[in-house]
Amino acid sequence: MKQYREITGKVVLITGASSGIGAAAALAFSKEGARVAIAARRQEKLEQLAKHMKEALVLNADVGIEADARKMIQNTIKHFGRIDVLINNAASIIVAPAETVSPEDLVSAFRTNLIGPVVATQEAISQMKKQGGGQIINVGSPGFMMGVPFYSPYVCSKAALCAWTRTIQAEWAGSGIIVSEYFPGYILTDSRPDSRIGEVEQDLLMSPKQNWLTRTFAKPKMPKDVANQLVGLVRNPRTLIYSSGSVRMGAFISNFSGFRLSLATQMAQTARDKKPEI
């Protein structure tokens, strides 16, 4: 029989909370009675979000800056006296052809998508151990298994986050610190990627002309759906969950090189059709 954990009163810190998954998750956890700290670079967005929440703590922070990543944890603990759940959700998404990706782009992506979560988790872990437990949720991406074209800084850094997540899952097993991995797939938000090829929409790699398999894997979910799944992951912790069956299937098919390359090649061609200069 499953043991469901209570969410009411838990202190939950969510990074990248100014929009998309992070904002939706903040509202969902607040609705469930959690005490929520919301962190992001856009403070005005956070303040607007906090108006729709109970007992929200606004933290202006860029997790790609080590000092900010540490300080947001410290301020959460100072304000609430504890931290029960850290959701590493903030992400840097840079779009560029692989042959033009700069070292600076890679460093920027790794600072936000890997180093920030590592630093924040290390800062939170001592408090979690003192209070007898806690949970880390790292929002990853199955895209690194597919090899998403033109998103190499993002997928490379997310692959590294996945490797680190699985390492600490093994190291901390039985410690009372739960480490969960969440693979959302393609989520429809109002955020645009940081593009090096001119302005691009979120659906750069998607087209109704693609075969049904590619379209199935690329079918977007809404942030609200993801938020509810994150709440469920705290209530019923697991090692890894996917946002949908199609995302899970896509991850499985990525183990077969022929299928994987065929799907990714279609995405690359779709991007070239939309942006001939690449």
C-alpha atoms as a PDB file:
ATOM      1  CA  MET A   1       0.000   0.000   0.000  1.00  0.00           C
ATOM      2  CA  LYS A   2       1.381   3.403  -1.001  1.00  0.00           C
ATOM      3  CA  GLN A   3       2.193   5.875   1.745  1.00  0.00           C
ATOM      4  CA  TYR A   4       1.262   9.384   0.675  1.00  0.00           C
ATOM      5  CA  ARG A   5       3.095  12.287   2.283  1.00  0.00           C
ATOM      6  CA  GLU A   6       1.403  15.414   3.552  1.00  0.00           C
ATOM      7  CA  ILE A   7       2.161  18.631   1.667  1.00  0.00           C
ATOM      8  CA  THR A   8       0.444  21.134   3.952  1.00  0.00           C
ATOM      9  CA  GLY A   9       3.057  23.155   5.817  1.00  0.00           C
ATOM     10  CA  LYS A  10       6.033  21.879   3.831  1.00  0.00           C
ATOM     11  CA  VAL A  11       8.577  24.471   2.723  1.00  0.00           C
ATOM     12  CA  VAL A  12       9.086  24.223  -1.030  1.00  0.00           C
ATOM     13  CA  LEU A  13      11.654  26.277  -2.960  1.00  0.00           C
ATOM     14  CA  ILE A  14      11.127  26.484  -6.730  1.00  0.00           C
ATOM     15  CA  THR A  15      13.697  28.002  -9.074  1.00  0.00           C
ATOM     16  CA  GLY A  16      12.759  29.478 -12.434  1.00  0.00           C
ATOM     17  CA  ALA A  17       9.417  30.424 -10.885  1.00  0.00           C
ATOM     18  CA  SER A  18       8.683  33.600 -12.842  1.00  0.00           C
ATOM     19  CA  SER A  19       6.939  31.760 -15.699  1.00  0.00           C
ATOM     20  CA  GLY A  20       6.135  28.395 -17.258  1.00  0.00           C
ATOM     21  CA  ILE A  21       6.534  25.253 -15.183  1.00  0.00           C
ATOM     22  CA  GLY A  22       7.950  27.117 -12.191  1.00  0.00           C
ATOM     23  CA  ALA A  23       5.080  29.599 -11.907  1.00  0.00           C
ATOM     24  CA  ALA A  24       2.452  26.895 -12.353  1.00  0.00           C
ATOM     25  CA  ALA A  25       4.161  24.694  -9.751  1.00  0.00           C
ATOM     26  CA  ALA A  26       4.300  27.581  -7.280  1.00  0.00           C
ATOM     27  CA  LEU A  27       0.556  28.103  -7.562  1.00  0.00           C
ATOM     28  CA  ALA A  28      -0.151  24.379  -7.299  1.00  0.00           C
ATOM     29  CA  PHE A  29       1.958  23.878  -4.156  1.00  0.00           C
ATOM     30  CA  SER A  30       0.515  26.995  -2.551  1.00  0.00           C
ATOM     31  CA  LYS A  31      -2.987  25.715  -3.232  1.00  0.00           C
ATOM     32  CA  GLU A  32      -2.054  22.466  -1.469  1.00  0.00           C
ATOM     33  CA  GLY A  33      -1.022  24.394   1.635  1.00  0.00           C
ATOM     34  CA  ALA A  34       2.740  24.437   1.191  1.00  0.00           C
ATOM     35  CA  ARG A  35       4.852  27.402   2.217  1.00  0.00           C
ATOM     36  CA  VAL A  36       6.525  28.331  -1.059  1.00  0.00           C
ATOM     37  CA  ALA A  37       9.713  30.249  -1.858  1.00  0.00           C
ATOM     38  CA  ILE A  38       9.867  31.392  -5.479  1.00  0.00           C
ATOM     39  CA  ALA A  39      13.207  32.258  -7.084  1.00  0.00           C
ATOM     40  CA  ALA A  40      14.009  33.785 -10.468  1.00  0.00           C
ATOM     41  CA  ARG A  41      15.773  36.730 -12.095  1.00  0.00           C
ATOM     42  CA  ARG A  42      12.587  38.675 -12.899  1.00  0.00           C
ATOM     43  CA  GLN A  43      11.506  39.989  -9.516  1.00  0.00           C
ATOM     44  CA  GLU A  44       8.494  41.883 -10.855  1.00  0.00           C
ATOM     45  CA  LYS A  45       7.082  38.657 -12.269  1.00  0.00           C
ATOM     46  CA  LEU A  46       7.622  36.912  -8.941  1.00  0.00           C
ATOM     47  CA  GLU A  47       5.879  39.694  -7.049  1.00  0.00           C
ATOM     48  CA  GLN A  48       2.873  39.452  -9.350  1.00  0.00           C
ATOM     49  CA  LEU A  49       2.798  35.688  -8.862  1.00  0.00           C
ATOM     50  CA  ALA A  50       3.073  36.021  -5.079  1.00  0.00           C
ATOM     51  CA  LYS A  51      -0.165  38.014  -5.011  1.00  0.00           C
ATOM     52  CA  HIS A  52      -2.002  34.823  -5.972  1.00  0.00           C
ATOM     53  CA  MET A  53      -0.300  32.681  -3.321  1.00  0.00           C
ATOM     54  CA  LYS A  54      -0.375  32.173   0.433  1.00  0.00           C
ATOM     55  CA  GLU A  55       2.742  32.968   2.438  1.00  0.00           C
ATOM     56  CA  ALA A  56       5.073  33.205  -0.577  1.00  0.00           C
ATOM     57  CA  LEU A  57       8.708  34.262  -0.215  1.00  0.00           C
ATOM     58  CA  VAL A  58      10.058  36.160  -3.236  1.00  0.00           C
ATOM     59  CA  LEU A  59      13.746  35.576  -3.962  1.00  0.00           C
ATOM     60  CA  ASN A  60      15.429  37.552  -6.729  1.00  0.00           C
ATOM     61  CA  ALA A  61      18.181  35.161  -7.828  1.00  0.00           C
ATOM     62  CA  ASP A  62      20.098  34.019 -10.874  1.00  0.00           C
ATOM     63  CA  VAL A  63      20.940  30.381 -10.181  1.00  0.00           C
ATOM     64  CA  GLY A  64      23.729  30.591 -12.745  1.00  0.00           C
ATOM     65  CA  ILE A  65      25.587  32.759 -10.220  1.00  0.00           C
ATOM     66  CA  GLU A  66      27.003  30.631  -7.412  1.00  0.00           C
ATOM     67  CA  ALA A  67      26.504  33.281  -4.726  1.00  0.00           C
ATOM     68  CA  ASP A  68      22.831  33.688  -5.712  1.00  0.00           C
ATOM     69  CA  ALA A  69      22.258  29.933  -5.650  1.00  0.00           C
ATOM     70  CA  ARG A  70      23.648  29.693  -2.120  1.00  0.00           C
ATOM     71  CA  LYS A  71      21.901  32.820  -0.861  1.00  0.00           C
ATOM     72  CA  MET A  72      18.431  31.746  -2.012  1.00  0.00           C
ATOM     73  CA  ILE A  73      18.750  28.580   0.077  1.00  0.00           C
ATOM     74  CA  GLN A  74      20.041  30.507   3.073  1.00  0.00           C
ATOM     75  CA  ASN A  75      17.230  33.071   2.826  1.00  0.00           C
ATOM     76  CA  THR A  76      14.594  30.346   2.540  1.00  0.00           C
ATOM     77  CA  ILE A  77      15.888  28.651   5.696  1.00  0.00           C
ATOM     78  CA  LYS A  78      16.185  31.990   7.496  1.00  0.00           C
ATOM     79  CA  HIS A  79      12.586  32.915   6.625  1.00  0.00           C
ATOM     80  CA  PHE A  80      10.840  29.567   7.183  1.00  0.00           C
ATOM     81  CA  GLY A  81      13.265  27.858   9.558  1.00  0.00           C
ATOM     82  CA  ARG A  82      13.638  24.817   7.282  1.00  0.00           C
ATOM     83  CA  ILE A  83      13.514  23.596   3.678  1.00  0.00           C
ATOM     84  CA  ASP A  84      11.661  20.409   2.803  1.00  0.00           C
ATOM     85  CA  VAL A  85      11.668  20.378  -0.996  1.00  0.00           C
ATOM     86  CA  LEU A  86      14.035  21.969  -3.509  1.00  0.00           C
ATOM     87  CA  ILE A  87      12.809  21.926  -7.104  1.00  0.00           C
ATOM     88  CA  ASN A  88      15.674  22.741  -9.472  1.00  0.00           C
ATOM     89  CA  ASN A  89      13.611  23.940 -12.416  1.00  0.00           C
ATOM     90  CA  ALA A  90      15.399  27.026 -13.797  1.00  0.00           C
ATOM     91  CA  ALA A  91      16.904  26.435 -17.227  1.00  0.00           C
ATOM     92  CA  SER A  92      18.991  28.129 -19.880  1.00  0.00           C
ATOM     93  CA  ILE A  93      17.883  27.259 -23.418  1.00  0.00           C
ATOM     94  CA  ILE A  94      20.263  28.445 -26.140  1.00  0.00           C
ATOM     95  CA  VAL A  95      19.520  27.770 -29.818  1.00  0.00           C
ATOM     96  CA  ALA A  96      22.423  27.638 -32.276  1.00  0.00           C
ATOM     97  CA  PRO A  97      23.869  25.297 -34.924  1.00  0.00           C
ATOM     98  CA  ALA A  98      26.382  22.961 -33.303  1.00  0.00           C
ATOM     99  CA  GLU A  99      29.251  24.261 -35.440  1.00  0.00           C
ATOM    100  CA  THR A 100      28.727  27.814 -34.181  1.00  0.00           C
ATOM    101  CA  VAL A 101      28.092  27.187 -30.476  1.00  0.00           C
ATOM    102  CA  SER A 102      30.610  29.229 -28.510  1.00  0.00           C
ATOM    103  CA  PRO A 103      32.441  28.174 -25.358  1.00  0.00           C
ATOM    104  CA  GLU A 104      30.614  31.040 -23.640  1.00  0.00           C
ATOM    105  CA  ASP A 105      27.247  29.542 -24.628  1.00  0.00           C
ATOM    106  CA  LEU A 106      28.242  26.186 -23.190  1.00  0.00           C
ATOM    107  CA  VAL A 107      29.543  27.720 -19.969  1.00  0.00           C
ATOM    108  CA  SER A 108      26.351  29.783 -19.581  1.00  0.00           C
ATOM    109  CA  ALA A 109      24.136  26.726 -20.064  1.00  0.00           C
ATOM    110  CA  PHE A 110      26.176  24.601 -17.667  1.00  0.00           C
ATOM    111  CA  ARG A 111      26.166  27.332 -15.003  1.00  0.00           C
ATOM    112  CA  THR A 112      22.371  27.501 -14.973  1.00  0.00           C
ATOM    113  CA  ASN A 113      21.450  23.916 -15.795  1.00  0.00           C
ATOM    114  CA  LEU A 114      24.079  22.054 -13.775  1.00  0.00           C
ATOM    115  CA  ILE A 115      26.277  24.136 -11.501  1.00  0.00           C
ATOM    116  CA  GLY A 116      23.379  26.144 -10.058  1.00  0.00           C
ATOM    117  CA  PRO A 117      21.399  23.038  -9.049  1.00  0.00           C
ATOM    118  CA  VAL A 118      24.550  21.410  -7.635  1.00  0.00           C
ATOM    119  CA  VAL A 119      25.406  24.452  -5.513  1.00  0.00           C
ATOM    120  CA  ALA A 120      21.816  24.932  -4.322  1.00  0.00           C
ATOM    121  CA  THR A 121      21.489  21.259  -3.411  1.00  0.00           C
ATOM    122  CA  GLN A 122      24.785  21.241  -1.534  1.00  0.00           C
ATOM    123  CA  GLU A 123      23.649  24.291   0.423  1.00  0.00           C
ATOM    124  CA  ALA A 124      20.275  22.710   1.232  1.00  0.00           C
ATOM    125  CA  ILE A 125      21.515  19.261   2.149  1.00  0.00           C
ATOM    126  CA  SER A 126      23.000  20.144   5.548  1.00  0.00           C
ATOM    127  CA  GLN A 127      19.697  21.668   6.698  1.00  0.00           C
ATOM    128  CA  MET A 128      17.743  18.691   5.376  1.00  0.00           C
ATOM    129  CA  LYS A 129      19.997  16.325   7.301  1.00  0.00           C
ATOM    130  CA  LYS A 130      19.543  18.367  10.489  1.00  0.00           C
ATOM    131  CA  GLN A 131      15.773  18.249  10.219  1.00  0.00           C
ATOM    132  CA  GLY A 132      15.707  14.541   9.417  1.00  0.00           C
ATOM    133  CA  GLY A 133      14.997  14.530   5.698  1.00  0.00           C
ATOM    134  CA  GLY A 134      14.025  16.387   2.566  1.00  0.00           C
ATOM    135  CA  GLN A 135      13.548  16.019  -1.153  1.00  0.00           C
ATOM    136  CA  ILE A 136      15.440  17.268  -4.188  1.00  0.00           C
ATOM    137  CA  ILE A 137      13.576  17.297  -7.506  1.00  0.00           C
ATOM    138  CA  ASN A 138      15.698  17.946 -10.568  1.00  0.00           C
ATOM    139  CA  VAL A 139      13.730  18.870 -13.670  1.00  0.00           C
ATOM    140  CA  GLY A 140      15.712  17.238 -16.439  1.00  0.00           C
ATOM    141  CA  SER A 141      15.075  16.618 -20.093  1.00  0.00           C
ATOM    142  CA  PRO A 142      14.912  13.429 -22.152  1.00  0.00           C
ATOM    143  CA  GLY A 143      16.136  15.514 -25.090  1.00  0.00           C
ATOM    144  CA  PHE A 144      19.753  14.530 -24.528  1.00  0.00           C
ATOM    145  CA  MET A 145      18.846  10.923 -25.349  1.00  0.00           C
ATOM    146  CA  MET A 146      17.318  11.992 -28.656  1.00  0.00           C
ATOM    147  CA  GLY A 147      19.992  14.558 -29.539  1.00  0.00           C
ATOM    148  CA  VAL A 148      17.723  17.570 -30.130  1.00  0.00           C
ATOM    149  CA  PRO A 149      19.141  19.486 -33.110  1.00  0.00           C
ATOM    150  CA  PHE A 150      20.233  23.108 -32.631  1.00  0.00           C
ATOM    151  CA  TYR A 151      19.823  22.869 -28.843  1.00  0.00           C
ATOM    152  CA  SER A 152      23.231  21.412 -27.984  1.00  0.00           C
ATOM    153  CA  PRO A 153      24.087  23.707 -25.011  1.00  0.00           C
ATOM    154  CA  TYR A 154      20.767  22.806 -23.411  1.00  0.00           C
ATOM    155  CA  VAL A 155      20.834  19.055 -24.044  1.00  0.00           C
ATOM    156  CA  CYS A 156      24.513  18.692 -23.100  1.00  0.00           C
ATOM    157  CA  SER A 157      23.997  20.454 -19.780  1.00  0.00           C
ATOM    158  CA  LYS A 158      20.797  18.513 -19.079  1.00  0.00           C
ATOM    159  CA  ALA A 159      22.657  15.264 -19.781  1.00  0.00           C
ATOM    160  CA  ALA A 160      25.180  16.315 -17.146  1.00  0.00           C
ATOM    161  CA  LEU A 161      22.367  17.151 -14.703  1.00  0.00           C
ATOM    162  CA  CYS A 162      20.890  13.691 -15.266  1.00  0.00           C
ATOM    163  CA  ALA A 163      24.252  12.055 -14.557  1.00  0.00           C
ATOM    164  CA  TRP A 164      24.711  14.056 -11.370  1.00  0.00           C
ATOM    165  CA  THR A 165      21.145  13.353 -10.221  1.00  0.00           C
ATOM    166  CA  ARG A 166      21.627   9.626 -10.593  1.00  0.00           C
ATOM    167  CA  THR A 167      24.954   9.784  -8.794  1.00  0.00           C
ATOM    168  CA  ILE A 168      23.504  11.443  -5.700  1.00  0.00           C
ATOM    169  CA  GLN A 169      20.523   9.093  -5.777  1.00  0.00           C
ATOM    170  CA  ALA A 170      22.996   6.285  -5.199  1.00  0.00           C
ATOM    171  CA  GLU A 171      25.153   8.149  -2.689  1.00  0.00           C
ATOM    172  CA  TRP A 172      22.245   9.354  -0.565  1.00  0.00           C
ATOM    173  CA  ALA A 173      20.052   6.257  -0.667  1.00  0.00           C
ATOM    174  CA  GLY A 174      18.814   5.503   2.839  1.00  0.00           C
ATOM    175  CA  SER A 175      19.883   8.918   4.179  1.00  0.00           C
ATOM    176  CA  GLY A 176      16.389  10.349   4.413  1.00  0.00           C
ATOM    177  CA  ILE A 177      17.140  12.669   1.486  1.00  0.00           C
ATOM    178  CA  ILE A 178      14.938  11.716  -1.465  1.00  0.00           C
ATOM    179  CA  VAL A 179      16.289  12.606  -4.902  1.00  0.00           C
ATOM    180  CA  SER A 180      13.755  12.560  -7.748  1.00  0.00           C
ATOM    181  CA  GLU A 181      14.160  13.174 -11.454  1.00  0.00           C
ATOM    182  CA  TYR A 182      11.378  14.605 -13.597  1.00  0.00           C
ATOM    183  CA  PHE A 183      11.378  14.507 -17.402  1.00  0.00           C
ATOM    184  CA  PRO A 184       8.776  16.946 -18.756  1.00  0.00           C
ATOM    185  CA  GLY A 185       9.253  16.716 -22.511  1.00  0.00           C
ATOM    186  CA  TYR A 186       7.944  19.592 -24.625  1.00  0.00           C
ATOM    187  CA  ILE A 187       5.977  22.089 -22.519  1.00  0.00           C
ATOM    188  CA  LEU A 188       3.974  24.898 -24.075  1.00  0.00           C
ATOM    189  CA  THR A 189       4.924  28.170 -22.364  1.00  0.00           C
ATOM    190  CA  ASP A 190       5.216  31.830 -23.291  1.00  0.00           C
ATOM    191  CA  SER A 191       9.017  31.779 -22.927  1.00  0.00           C
ATOM    192  CA  ARG A 192      11.213  31.984 -25.993  1.00  0.00           C
ATOM    193  CA  PRO A 193      14.674  30.443 -26.170  1.00  0.00           C
ATOM    194  CA  ASP A 194      17.857  32.499 -26.284  1.00  0.00           C
ATOM    195  CA  SER A 195      18.513  32.208 -29.997  1.00  0.00           C
ATOM    196  CA  ARG A 196      21.712  32.788 -31.965  1.00  0.00           C
ATOM    197  CA  ILE A 197      19.876  32.432 -35.289  1.00  0.00           C
ATOM    198  CA  GLY A 198      17.382  35.255 -34.950  1.00  0.00           C
ATOM    199  CA  GLU A 199      14.014  35.138 -33.267  1.00  0.00           C
ATOM    200  CA  VAL A 200      12.517  31.663 -33.067  1.00  0.00           C
ATOM    201  CA  GLU A 201       9.289  30.278 -31.660  1.00  0.00           C
ATOM    202  CA  GLN A 202       9.058  27.401 -29.214  1.00  0.00           C
ATOM    203  CA  ASP A 203       7.833  25.107 -31.975  1.00  0.00           C
ATOM    204  CA  LEU A 204      10.978  25.555 -34.109  1.00  0.00           C
ATOM    205  CA  LEU A 205      11.380  21.769 -34.440  1.00  0.00           C
ATOM    206  CA  MET A 206       7.711  20.900 -34.802  1.00  0.00           C
ATOM    207  CA  SER A 207       5.564  20.588 -37.922  1.00  0.00           C
ATOM    208  CA  PRO A 208       2.262  18.916 -38.833  1.00  0.00           C
ATOM    209  CA  LYS A 209       4.096  17.495 -41.886  1.00  0.00           C
ATOM    210  CA  GLN A 210       6.233  15.236 -39.705  1.00  0.00           C
ATOM    211  CA  ASN A 211       5.277  11.579 -39.368  1.00  0.00           C
ATOM    212  CA  TRP A 212       2.859  10.564 -36.648  1.00  0.00           C
ATOM    213  CA  LEU A 213       5.609   9.184 -34.418  1.00  0.00           C
ATOM    214  CA  THR A 214       7.540  12.451 -34.343  1.00  0.00           C
ATOM    215  CA  ARG A 215       4.340  14.431 -33.822  1.00  0.00           C
ATOM    216  CA  THR A 216       3.334  12.145 -30.964  1.00  0.00           C
ATOM    217  CA  PHE A 217       6.612  12.605 -29.114  1.00  0.00           C
ATOM    218  CA  ALA A 218       6.527  16.368 -29.673  1.00  0.00           C
ATOM    219  CA  LYS A 219       2.945  16.856 -28.511  1.00  0.00           C
ATOM    220  CA  PRO A 220       3.158  19.634 -25.913  1.00  0.00           C
ATOM    221  CA  LYS A 221       1.837  19.557 -22.383  1.00  0.00           C
ATOM    222  CA  MET A 222       0.648  22.548 -20.401  1.00  0.00           C
ATOM    223  CA  PRO A 223       2.570  23.898 -17.379  1.00  0.00           C
ATOM    224  CA  LYS A 224      -0.456  23.274 -15.159  1.00  0.00           C
ATOM    225  CA  ASP A 225      -0.337  19.555 -15.972  1.00  0.00           C
ATOM    226  CA  VAL A 226       3.346  19.416 -15.072  1.00  0.00           C
ATOM    227  CA  ALA A 227       2.730  21.357 -11.858  1.00  0.00           C
ATOM    228  CA  ASN A 228       0.183  18.797 -10.715  1.00  0.00           C
ATOM    229  CA  GLN A 229       2.639  15.998 -11.445  1.00  0.00           C
ATOM    230  CA  LEU A 230       5.321  17.729  -9.369  1.00  0.00           C
ATOM    231  CA  VAL A 231       2.870  17.979  -6.476  1.00  0.00           C
ATOM    232  CA  GLY A 232       2.189  14.283  -6.942  1.00  0.00           C
ATOM    233  CA  LEU A 233       5.914  13.549  -6.918  1.00  0.00           C
ATOM    234  CA  VAL A 234       6.239  15.149  -3.477  1.00  0.00           C
ATOM    235  CA  ARG A 235       3.146  13.378  -2.202  1.00  0.00           C
ATOM    236  CA  ASN A 236       4.338  10.044  -3.588  1.00  0.00           C
ATOM    237  CA  PRO A 237       8.129  10.239  -4.179  1.00  0.00           C
ATOM    238  CA  ARG A 238       9.664   8.241  -6.994  1.00  0.00           C
ATOM    239  CA  THR A 239      13.102   8.003  -8.555  1.00  0.00           C
ATOM    240  CA  LEU A 240      12.035   9.105 -12.044  1.00  0.00           C
ATOM    241  CA  ILE A 241       8.786  10.079 -13.715  1.00  0.00           C
ATOM    242  CA  TYR A 242       7.955  11.202 -17.234  1.00  0.00           C
ATOM    243  CA  SER A 243       5.285  13.766 -18.000  1.00  0.00           C
ATOM    244  CA  SER A 244       3.485  11.376 -20.352  1.00  0.00           C
ATOM    245  CA  GLY A 245       3.548   7.931 -21.887  1.00  0.00           C
ATOM    246  CA  SER A 246       4.759   9.392 -25.186  1.00  0.00           C
ATOM    247  CA  VAL A 247       7.753  11.002 -23.487  1.00  0.00           C
ATOM    248  CA  ARG A 248       8.583   7.679 -21.817  1.00  0.00           C
ATOM    249  CA  MET A 249       8.237   5.922 -25.166  1.00  0.00           C
ATOM    250  CA  GLY A 250      10.480   8.498 -26.822  1.00  0.00           C
ATOM    251  CA  ALA A 251      13.151   7.901 -24.199  1.00  0.00           C
ATOM    252  CA  PHE A 252      12.929   4.163 -24.823  1.00  0.00           C
ATOM    253  CA  ILE A 253      13.070   4.497 -28.610  1.00  0.00           C
ATOM    254  CA  SER A 254      16.159   6.691 -28.245  1.00  0.00           C
ATOM    255  CA  ASN A 255      18.030   3.482 -27.408  1.00  0.00           C
ATOM    256  CA  PHE A 256      17.530   2.378 -31.014  1.00  0.00           C
ATOM    257  CA  SER A 257      19.881   4.466 -33.118  1.00  0.00           C
ATOM    258  CA  GLY A 258      17.946   4.149 -36.381  1.00  0.00           C
ATOM    259  CA  PHE A 259      14.665   5.374 -34.882  1.00  0.00           C
ATOM    260  CA  ARG A 260      16.404   8.061 -32.867  1.00  0.00           C
ATOM    261  CA  LEU A 261      18.295   9.482 -35.823  1.00  0.00           C
ATOM    262  CA  SER A 262      15.221   9.397 -38.065  1.00  0.00           C
ATOM    263  CA  LEU A 263      13.145  11.398 -35.573  1.00  0.00           C
ATOM    264  CA  ALA A 264      15.887  13.916 -34.826  1.00  0.00           C
ATOM    265  CA  THR A 265      16.660  14.349 -38.531  1.00  0.00           C
ATOM    266  CA  GLN A 266      13.033  15.245 -39.189  1.00  0.00           C
ATOM    267  CA  MET A 267      13.226  17.873 -36.470  1.00  0.00           C
ATOM    268  CA  ALA A 268      16.425  19.297 -37.965  1.00  0.00           C
ATOM    269  CA  GLN A 269      14.834  19.532 -41.404  1.00  0.00           C
ATOM    270  CA  THR A 270      11.762  21.244 -39.947  1.00  0.00           C
ATOM    271  CA  ALA A 271      14.020  23.858 -38.345  1.00  0.00           C
ATOM    272  CA  ARG A 272      15.844  24.422 -41.654  1.00  0.00           C
ATOM    273  CA  ASP A 273      12.533  24.829 -43.480  1.00  0.00           C
ATOM    274  CA  LYS A 274      11.577  27.561 -41.031  1.00  0.00           C
ATOM    275  CA  LYS A 275      15.040  29.143 -40.833  1.00  0.00           C
ATOM    276  CA  PRO A 276      16.820  28.484 -44.191  1.00  0.00           C
ATOM    277  CA  GLU A 277      19.925  30.348 -43.016  1.00  0.00           C
ATOM    278  CA  ILE A 278      20.840  27.443 -40.731  1.00  0.00           C
END
